[in-house]
mmCIF file of all heavy atoms, coordinates in Angstrom:
data_MODEL
# 
_entry.id   MODEL 
# 
loop_
_atom_site.group_PDB 
_atom_site.id 
_atom_site.type_symbol 
_atom_site.label_atom_id 
_atom_site.label_alt_id 
_atom_site.label_comp_id 
_atom_site.label_asym_id 
_atom_site.label_entity_id 
_atom_site.label_seq_id 
_atom_site.pdbx_PDB_ins_code 
_atom_site.Cartn_x 
_atom_site.Cartn_y 
_atom_site.Cartn_z 
_atom_site.occupancy 
_atom_site.B_iso_or_equiv 
_atom_site.pdbx_formal_charge 
_atom_site.auth_seq_id 
_atom_site.auth_comp_id 
_atom_site.auth_asym_id 
_atom_site.auth_atom_id 
_atom_site.pdbx_PDB_model_num 
ATOM 1   N N   . ILE A 1 1  ? 8.832   -0.459  -0.801 1.00 0.00 ? 1  ILE A N   1 
ATOM 2   C CA  . ILE A 1 1  ? 8.174   -0.366  0.504  1.00 0.00 ? 1  ILE A CA  1 
ATOM 3   C C   . ILE A 1 1  ? 8.657   -1.538  1.334  1.00 0.00 ? 1  ILE A C   1 
ATOM 4   O O   . ILE A 1 1  ? 8.361   -2.697  1.028  1.00 0.00 ? 1  ILE A O   1 
ATOM 5   C CB  . ILE A 1 1  ? 6.637   -0.385  0.379  1.00 0.00 ? 1  ILE A CB  1 
ATOM 6   C CG1 . ILE A 1 1  ? 6.155   0.796   -0.453 1.00 0.00 ? 1  ILE A CG1 1 
ATOM 7   C CG2 . ILE A 1 1  ? 5.990   -0.343  1.758  1.00 0.00 ? 1  ILE A CG2 1 
ATOM 8   C CD1 . ILE A 1 1  ? 6.009   0.509   -1.928 1.00 0.00 ? 1  ILE A CD1 1 
ATOM 9   N N   . ALA A 1 2  ? 9.420   -1.244  2.371  1.00 0.00 ? 2  ALA A N   1 
ATOM 10  C CA  . ALA A 1 2  ? 9.968   -2.285  3.242  1.00 0.00 ? 2  ALA A CA  1 
ATOM 11  C C   . ALA A 1 2  ? 9.131   -2.369  4.509  1.00 0.00 ? 2  ALA A C   1 
ATOM 12  O O   . ALA A 1 2  ? 8.839   -1.349  5.148  1.00 0.00 ? 2  ALA A O   1 
ATOM 13  C CB  . ALA A 1 2  ? 11.417  -1.977  3.584  1.00 0.00 ? 2  ALA A CB  1 
ATOM 14  N N   . PHE A 1 3  ? 8.739   -3.586  4.863  1.00 0.00 ? 3  PHE A N   1 
ATOM 15  C CA  . PHE A 1 3  ? 7.946   -3.829  6.058  1.00 0.00 ? 3  PHE A CA  1 
ATOM 16  C C   . PHE A 1 3  ? 8.832   -4.410  7.157  1.00 0.00 ? 3  PHE A C   1 
ATOM 17  O O   . PHE A 1 3  ? 9.893   -4.962  6.880  1.00 0.00 ? 3  PHE A O   1 
ATOM 18  C CB  . PHE A 1 3  ? 6.804   -4.789  5.743  1.00 0.00 ? 3  PHE A CB  1 
ATOM 19  C CG  . PHE A 1 3  ? 5.742   -4.197  4.842  1.00 0.00 ? 3  PHE A CG  1 
ATOM 20  C CD1 . PHE A 1 3  ? 5.877   -4.231  3.461  1.00 0.00 ? 3  PHE A CD1 1 
ATOM 21  C CD2 . PHE A 1 3  ? 4.623   -3.592  5.388  1.00 0.00 ? 3  PHE A CD2 1 
ATOM 22  C CE1 . PHE A 1 3  ? 4.908   -3.680  2.635  1.00 0.00 ? 3  PHE A CE1 1 
ATOM 23  C CE2 . PHE A 1 3  ? 3.644   -3.044  4.575  1.00 0.00 ? 3  PHE A CE2 1 
ATOM 24  C CZ  . PHE A 1 3  ? 3.787   -3.084  3.191  1.00 0.00 ? 3  PHE A CZ  1 
ATOM 25  N N   . GLY A 1 4  ? 8.369   -4.293  8.371  1.00 0.00 ? 4  GLY A N   1 
ATOM 26  C CA  . GLY A 1 4  ? 9.116   -4.850  9.491  1.00 0.00 ? 4  GLY A CA  1 
ATOM 27  C C   . GLY A 1 4  ? 9.115   -6.360  9.495  1.00 0.00 ? 4  GLY A C   1 
ATOM 28  O O   . GLY A 1 4  ? 10.000  -6.991  10.071 1.00 0.00 ? 4  GLY A O   1 
ATOM 29  N N   . SER A 1 5  ? 8.115   -6.952  8.857  1.00 0.00 ? 5  SER A N   1 
ATOM 30  C CA  . SER A 1 5  ? 8.006   -8.405  8.716  1.00 0.00 ? 5  SER A CA  1 
ATOM 31  C C   . SER A 1 5  ? 7.282   -8.672  7.400  1.00 0.00 ? 5  SER A C   1 
ATOM 32  O O   . SER A 1 5  ? 6.732   -7.749  6.785  1.00 0.00 ? 5  SER A O   1 
ATOM 33  C CB  . SER A 1 5  ? 7.234   -9.005  9.895  1.00 0.00 ? 5  SER A CB  1 
ATOM 34  O OG  . SER A 1 5  ? 5.941   -8.444  9.986  1.00 0.00 ? 5  SER A OG  1 
ATOM 35  N N   . PRO A 1 6  ? 7.283   -9.905  6.916  1.00 0.00 ? 6  PRO A N   1 
ATOM 36  C CA  . PRO A 1 6  ? 6.629   -10.192 5.634  1.00 0.00 ? 6  PRO A CA  1 
ATOM 37  C C   . PRO A 1 6  ? 5.178   -9.717  5.601  1.00 0.00 ? 6  PRO A C   1 
ATOM 38  O O   . PRO A 1 6  ? 4.434   -9.869  6.580  1.00 0.00 ? 6  PRO A O   1 
ATOM 39  C CB  . PRO A 1 6  ? 6.722   -11.717 5.532  1.00 0.00 ? 6  PRO A CB  1 
ATOM 40  C CG  . PRO A 1 6  ? 7.945   -12.064 6.320  1.00 0.00 ? 6  PRO A CG  1 
ATOM 41  C CD  . PRO A 1 6  ? 7.960   -11.103 7.469  1.00 0.00 ? 6  PRO A CD  1 
ATOM 42  N N   . TYR A 1 7  ? 4.769   -9.144  4.470  1.00 0.00 ? 7  TYR A N   1 
ATOM 43  C CA  . TYR A 1 7  ? 3.424   -8.599  4.328  1.00 0.00 ? 7  TYR A CA  1 
ATOM 44  C C   . TYR A 1 7  ? 2.862   -9.046  2.975  1.00 0.00 ? 7  TYR A C   1 
ATOM 45  O O   . TYR A 1 7  ? 2.803   -8.269  2.015  1.00 0.00 ? 7  TYR A O   1 
ATOM 46  C CB  . TYR A 1 7  ? 3.453   -7.072  4.422  1.00 0.00 ? 7  TYR A CB  1 
ATOM 47  C CG  . TYR A 1 7  ? 2.174   -6.478  4.966  1.00 0.00 ? 7  TYR A CG  1 
ATOM 48  C CD1 . TYR A 1 7  ? 2.060   -6.135  6.308  1.00 0.00 ? 7  TYR A CD1 1 
ATOM 49  C CD2 . TYR A 1 7  ? 1.074   -6.276  4.145  1.00 0.00 ? 7  TYR A CD2 1 
ATOM 50  C CE1 . TYR A 1 7  ? 0.894   -5.596  6.823  1.00 0.00 ? 7  TYR A CE1 1 
ATOM 51  C CE2 . TYR A 1 7  ? -0.095  -5.746  4.648  1.00 0.00 ? 7  TYR A CE2 1 
ATOM 52  C CZ  . TYR A 1 7  ? -0.182  -5.396  5.983  1.00 0.00 ? 7  TYR A CZ  1 
ATOM 53  O OH  . TYR A 1 7  ? -1.344  -4.870  6.489  1.00 0.00 ? 7  TYR A OH  1 
ATOM 54  N N   . PRO A 1 8  ? 2.430   -10.300 2.882  1.00 0.00 ? 8  PRO A N   1 
ATOM 55  C CA  . PRO A 1 8  ? 2.047   -10.866 1.586  1.00 0.00 ? 8  PRO A CA  1 
ATOM 56  C C   . PRO A 1 8  ? 0.807   -10.246 0.957  1.00 0.00 ? 8  PRO A C   1 
ATOM 57  O O   . PRO A 1 8  ? 0.619   -10.342 -0.260 1.00 0.00 ? 8  PRO A O   1 
ATOM 58  C CB  . PRO A 1 8  ? 1.813   -12.346 1.901  1.00 0.00 ? 8  PRO A CB  1 
ATOM 59  C CG  . PRO A 1 8  ? 1.509   -12.387 3.365  1.00 0.00 ? 8  PRO A CG  1 
ATOM 60  C CD  . PRO A 1 8  ? 2.348   -11.302 3.970  1.00 0.00 ? 8  PRO A CD  1 
ATOM 61  N N   . SER A 1 9  ? -0.051  -9.609  1.744  1.00 0.00 ? 9  SER A N   1 
ATOM 62  C CA  . SER A 1 9  ? -1.298  -9.078  1.190  1.00 0.00 ? 9  SER A CA  1 
ATOM 63  C C   . SER A 1 9  ? -1.159  -7.667  0.635  1.00 0.00 ? 9  SER A C   1 
ATOM 64  O O   . SER A 1 9  ? -2.148  -7.071  0.194  1.00 0.00 ? 9  SER A O   1 
ATOM 65  C CB  . SER A 1 9  ? -2.393  -9.088  2.266  1.00 0.00 ? 9  SER A CB  1 
ATOM 66  O OG  . SER A 1 9  ? -2.073  -8.196  3.328  1.00 0.00 ? 9  SER A OG  1 
ATOM 67  N N   . PHE A 1 10 ? 0.041   -7.122  0.598  1.00 0.00 ? 10 PHE A N   1 
ATOM 68  C CA  . PHE A 1 10 ? 0.225   -5.736  0.179  1.00 0.00 ? 10 PHE A CA  1 
ATOM 69  C C   . PHE A 1 10 ? -0.385  -5.418  -1.192 1.00 0.00 ? 10 PHE A C   1 
ATOM 70  O O   . PHE A 1 10 ? -1.097  -4.419  -1.333 1.00 0.00 ? 10 PHE A O   1 
ATOM 71  C CB  . PHE A 1 10 ? 1.715   -5.372  0.206  1.00 0.00 ? 10 PHE A CB  1 
ATOM 72  C CG  . PHE A 1 10 ? 2.011   -3.969  -0.239 1.00 0.00 ? 10 PHE A CG  1 
ATOM 73  C CD1 . PHE A 1 10 ? 1.532   -2.880  0.490  1.00 0.00 ? 10 PHE A CD1 1 
ATOM 74  C CD2 . PHE A 1 10 ? 2.763   -3.727  -1.378 1.00 0.00 ? 10 PHE A CD2 1 
ATOM 75  C CE1 . PHE A 1 10 ? 1.801   -1.573  0.080  1.00 0.00 ? 10 PHE A CE1 1 
ATOM 76  C CE2 . PHE A 1 10 ? 3.037   -2.438  -1.792 1.00 0.00 ? 10 PHE A CE2 1 
ATOM 77  C CZ  . PHE A 1 10 ? 2.563   -1.351  -1.065 1.00 0.00 ? 10 PHE A CZ  1 
ATOM 78  N N   . PRO A 1 11 ? -0.141  -6.210  -2.246 1.00 0.00 ? 11 PRO A N   1 
ATOM 79  C CA  . PRO A 1 11 ? -0.728  -5.862  -3.558 1.00 0.00 ? 11 PRO A CA  1 
ATOM 80  C C   . PRO A 1 11 ? -2.247  -5.781  -3.540 1.00 0.00 ? 11 PRO A C   1 
ATOM 81  O O   . PRO A 1 11 ? -2.838  -4.924  -4.216 1.00 0.00 ? 11 PRO A O   1 
ATOM 82  C CB  . PRO A 1 11 ? -0.235  -6.998  -4.466 1.00 0.00 ? 11 PRO A CB  1 
ATOM 83  C CG  . PRO A 1 11 ? 1.007   -7.495  -3.820 1.00 0.00 ? 11 PRO A CG  1 
ATOM 84  C CD  . PRO A 1 11 ? 0.744   -7.392  -2.356 1.00 0.00 ? 11 PRO A CD  1 
ATOM 85  N N   . SER A 1 12 ? -2.917  -6.645  -2.790 1.00 0.00 ? 12 SER A N   1 
ATOM 86  C CA  . SER A 1 12 ? -4.379  -6.581  -2.708 1.00 0.00 ? 12 SER A CA  1 
ATOM 87  C C   . SER A 1 12 ? -4.839  -5.452  -1.785 1.00 0.00 ? 12 SER A C   1 
ATOM 88  O O   . SER A 1 12 ? -5.882  -4.840  -2.024 1.00 0.00 ? 12 SER A O   1 
ATOM 89  C CB  . SER A 1 12 ? -4.960  -7.912  -2.249 1.00 0.00 ? 12 SER A CB  1 
ATOM 90  O OG  . SER A 1 12 ? -4.473  -8.279  -0.978 1.00 0.00 ? 12 SER A OG  1 
ATOM 91  N N   . ASP A 1 13 ? -4.063  -5.144  -0.754 1.00 0.00 ? 13 ASP A N   1 
ATOM 92  C CA  . ASP A 1 13 ? -4.442  -4.065  0.155  1.00 0.00 ? 13 ASP A CA  1 
ATOM 93  C C   . ASP A 1 13 ? -4.464  -2.711  -0.539 1.00 0.00 ? 13 ASP A C   1 
ATOM 94  O O   . ASP A 1 13 ? -5.300  -1.855  -0.223 1.00 0.00 ? 13 ASP A O   1 
ATOM 95  C CB  . ASP A 1 13 ? -3.480  -4.005  1.341  1.00 0.00 ? 13 ASP A CB  1 
ATOM 96  C CG  . ASP A 1 13 ? -3.711  -5.121  2.345  1.00 0.00 ? 13 ASP A CG  1 
ATOM 97  O OD1 . ASP A 1 13 ? -4.666  -5.895  2.163  1.00 0.00 ? 13 ASP A OD1 1 
ATOM 98  O OD2 . ASP A 1 13 ? -2.928  -5.232  3.307  1.00 0.00 ? 13 ASP A OD2 1 
ATOM 99  N N   . ILE A 1 14 ? -3.563  -2.494  -1.484 1.00 0.00 ? 14 ILE A N   1 
ATOM 100 C CA  . ILE A 1 14 ? -3.486  -1.192  -2.151 1.00 0.00 ? 14 ILE A CA  1 
ATOM 101 C C   . ILE A 1 14 ? -4.397  -1.119  -3.371 1.00 0.00 ? 14 ILE A C   1 
ATOM 102 O O   . ILE A 1 14 ? -4.325  -0.177  -4.160 1.00 0.00 ? 14 ILE A O   1 
ATOM 103 C CB  . ILE A 1 14 ? -2.040  -0.837  -2.549 1.00 0.00 ? 14 ILE A CB  1 
ATOM 104 C CG1 . ILE A 1 14 ? -1.428  -1.928  -3.446 1.00 0.00 ? 14 ILE A CG1 1 
ATOM 105 C CG2 . ILE A 1 14 ? -1.188  -0.619  -1.298 1.00 0.00 ? 14 ILE A CG2 1 
ATOM 106 C CD1 . ILE A 1 14 ? -0.044  -1.564  -3.980 1.00 0.00 ? 14 ILE A CD1 1 
ATOM 107 N N   . ALA A 1 15 ? -5.312  -2.096  -3.496 1.00 0.00 ? 15 ALA A N   1 
ATOM 108 C CA  . ALA A 1 15 ? -6.306  -2.062  -4.567 1.00 0.00 ? 15 ALA A CA  1 
ATOM 109 C C   . ALA A 1 15 ? -7.551  -1.293  -4.153 1.00 0.00 ? 15 ALA A C   1 
ATOM 110 O O   . ALA A 1 15 ? -8.467  -1.120  -4.953 1.00 0.00 ? 15 ALA A O   1 
ATOM 111 C CB  . ALA A 1 15 ? -6.692  -3.484  -4.974 1.00 0.00 ? 15 ALA A CB  1 
ATOM 112 N N   . SER A 1 16 ? -7.587  -0.815  -2.911 1.00 0.00 ? 16 SER A N   1 
ATOM 113 C CA  . SER A 1 16 ? -8.719  -0.033  -2.427 1.00 0.00 ? 16 SER A CA  1 
ATOM 114 C C   . SER A 1 16 ? -8.186  1.237   -1.764 1.00 0.00 ? 16 SER A C   1 
ATOM 115 O O   . SER A 1 16 ? -7.070  1.666   -2.042 1.00 0.00 ? 16 SER A O   1 
ATOM 116 C CB  . SER A 1 16 ? -9.586  -0.875  -1.489 1.00 0.00 ? 16 SER A CB  1 
ATOM 117 O OG  . SER A 1 16 ? -8.812  -1.426  -0.448 1.00 0.00 ? 16 SER A OG  1 
ATOM 118 N N   . MET A 1 17 ? -8.970  1.838   -0.891 1.00 0.00 ? 17 MET A N   1 
ATOM 119 C CA  . MET A 1 17 ? -8.614  3.148   -0.335 1.00 0.00 ? 17 MET A CA  1 
ATOM 120 C C   . MET A 1 17 ? -7.196  3.263   0.217  1.00 0.00 ? 17 MET A C   1 
ATOM 121 O O   . MET A 1 17 ? -6.558  4.304   0.070  1.00 0.00 ? 17 MET A O   1 
ATOM 122 C CB  . MET A 1 17 ? -9.614  3.542   0.751  1.00 0.00 ? 17 MET A CB  1 
ATOM 123 C CG  . MET A 1 17 ? -10.865 4.227   0.264  1.00 0.00 ? 17 MET A CG  1 
ATOM 124 S SD  . MET A 1 17 ? -10.611 5.871   -0.460 1.00 0.00 ? 17 MET A SD  1 
ATOM 125 C CE  . MET A 1 17 ? -10.745 5.522   -2.214 1.00 0.00 ? 17 MET A CE  1 
ATOM 126 N N   . PRO A 1 18 ? -6.633  2.238   0.865  1.00 0.00 ? 18 PRO A N   1 
ATOM 127 C CA  . PRO A 1 18 ? -5.261  2.389   1.372  1.00 0.00 ? 18 PRO A CA  1 
ATOM 128 C C   . PRO A 1 18 ? -4.235  2.672   0.276  1.00 0.00 ? 18 PRO A C   1 
ATOM 129 O O   . PRO A 1 18 ? -3.157  3.181   0.553  1.00 0.00 ? 18 PRO A O   1 
ATOM 130 C CB  . PRO A 1 18 ? -4.981  1.038   2.043  1.00 0.00 ? 18 PRO A CB  1 
ATOM 131 C CG  . PRO A 1 18 ? -6.302  0.467   2.338  1.00 0.00 ? 18 PRO A CG  1 
ATOM 132 C CD  . PRO A 1 18 ? -7.215  0.945   1.254  1.00 0.00 ? 18 PRO A CD  1 
ATOM 133 N N   . GLY A 1 19 ? -4.583  2.334   -0.979 1.00 0.00 ? 19 GLY A N   1 
ATOM 134 C CA  . GLY A 1 19 ? -3.665  2.564   -2.091 1.00 0.00 ? 19 GLY A CA  1 
ATOM 135 C C   . GLY A 1 19 ? -4.028  3.759   -2.933 1.00 0.00 ? 19 GLY A C   1 
ATOM 136 O O   . GLY A 1 19 ? -3.454  3.961   -4.014 1.00 0.00 ? 19 GLY A O   1 
ATOM 137 N N   . ALA A 1 20 ? -4.960  4.591   -2.487 1.00 0.00 ? 20 ALA A N   1 
ATOM 138 C CA  . ALA A 1 20 ? -5.317  5.810   -3.219 1.00 0.00 ? 20 ALA A CA  1 
ATOM 139 C C   . ALA A 1 20 ? -4.181  6.820   -3.111 1.00 0.00 ? 20 ALA A C   1 
ATOM 140 O O   . ALA A 1 20 ? -3.552  6.962   -2.062 1.00 0.00 ? 20 ALA A O   1 
ATOM 141 C CB  . ALA A 1 20 ? -6.612  6.397   -2.667 1.00 0.00 ? 20 ALA A CB  1 
ATOM 142 N N   . MET A 1 21 ? -3.930  7.520   -4.207 1.00 0.00 ? 21 MET A N   1 
ATOM 143 C CA  . MET A 1 21 ? -2.838  8.482   -4.221 1.00 0.00 ? 21 MET A CA  1 
ATOM 144 C C   . MET A 1 21 ? -3.356  9.915   -4.312 1.00 0.00 ? 21 MET A C   1 
ATOM 145 O O   . MET A 1 21 ? -4.179  10.240  -5.171 1.00 0.00 ? 21 MET A O   1 
ATOM 146 C CB  . MET A 1 21 ? -1.914  8.208   -5.414 1.00 0.00 ? 21 MET A CB  1 
ATOM 147 C CG  . MET A 1 21 ? -1.085  6.942   -5.269 1.00 0.00 ? 21 MET A CG  1 
ATOM 148 S SD  . MET A 1 21 ? 0.183   7.053   -3.957 1.00 0.00 ? 21 MET A SD  1 
ATOM 149 C CE  . MET A 1 21 ? -0.539  5.982   -2.700 1.00 0.00 ? 21 MET A CE  1 
ATOM 150 N N   . VAL A 1 22 ? -2.851  10.755  -3.407 1.00 0.00 ? 22 VAL A N   1 
ATOM 151 C CA  . VAL A 1 22 ? -3.155  12.177  -3.388 1.00 0.00 ? 22 VAL A CA  1 
ATOM 152 C C   . VAL A 1 22 ? -1.996  12.926  -4.036 1.00 0.00 ? 22 VAL A C   1 
ATOM 153 O O   . VAL A 1 22 ? -0.823  12.509  -3.919 1.00 0.00 ? 22 VAL A O   1 
ATOM 154 C CB  . VAL A 1 22 ? -3.345  12.676  -1.934 1.00 0.00 ? 22 VAL A CB  1 
ATOM 155 C CG1 . VAL A 1 22 ? -3.653  14.169  -1.904 1.00 0.00 ? 22 VAL A CG1 1 
ATOM 156 C CG2 . VAL A 1 22 ? -4.456  11.891  -1.248 1.00 0.00 ? 22 VAL A CG2 1 
ATOM 157 N N   . SER A 1 23 ? -2.289  14.005  -4.720 1.00 0.00 ? 23 SER A N   1 
ATOM 158 C CA  . SER A 1 23 ? -1.255  14.828  -5.329 1.00 0.00 ? 23 SER A CA  1 
ATOM 159 C C   . SER A 1 23 ? -0.187  15.224  -4.318 1.00 0.00 ? 23 SER A C   1 
ATOM 160 O O   . SER A 1 23 ? -0.490  15.709  -3.223 1.00 0.00 ? 23 SER A O   1 
ATOM 161 C CB  . SER A 1 23 ? -1.892  16.091  -5.924 1.00 0.00 ? 23 SER A CB  1 
ATOM 162 O OG  . SER A 1 23 ? -0.968  17.153  -6.007 1.00 0.00 ? 23 SER A OG  1 
ATOM 163 N N   . GLY A 1 24 ? 1.082   15.032  -4.704 1.00 0.00 ? 24 GLY A N   1 
ATOM 164 C CA  . GLY A 1 24 ? 2.178   15.454  -3.835 1.00 0.00 ? 24 GLY A CA  1 
ATOM 165 C C   . GLY A 1 24 ? 2.195   16.959  -3.646 1.00 0.00 ? 24 GLY A C   1 
ATOM 166 O O   . GLY A 1 24 ? 2.520   17.468  -2.568 1.00 0.00 ? 24 GLY A O   1 
ATOM 167 N N   . LYS A 1 25 ? 1.821   17.682  -4.703 1.00 0.00 ? 25 LYS A N   1 
ATOM 168 C CA  . LYS A 1 25 ? 1.750   19.147  -4.625 1.00 0.00 ? 25 LYS A CA  1 
ATOM 169 C C   . LYS A 1 25 ? 0.713   19.573  -3.597 1.00 0.00 ? 25 LYS A C   1 
ATOM 170 O O   . LYS A 1 25 ? 0.947   20.502  -2.805 1.00 0.00 ? 25 LYS A O   1 
ATOM 171 C CB  . LYS A 1 25 ? 1.398   19.700  -6.001 1.00 0.00 ? 25 LYS A CB  1 
ATOM 172 C CG  . LYS A 1 25 ? 1.302   21.207  -6.088 1.00 0.00 ? 25 LYS A CG  1 
ATOM 173 C CD  . LYS A 1 25 ? 0.963   21.638  -7.515 1.00 0.00 ? 25 LYS A CD  1 
ATOM 174 C CE  . LYS A 1 25 ? 0.796   23.153  -7.627 1.00 0.00 ? 25 LYS A CE  1 
ATOM 175 N NZ  . LYS A 1 25 ? 0.441   23.551  -9.026 1.00 0.00 ? 25 LYS A NZ  1 
# 
């Protein structure tokens, strides 16, 4: 995942709803 600028909080951000995964199907 490439960001337009540094995004240091990404690992913690995807520990809640923003990081939930829905079936690709």
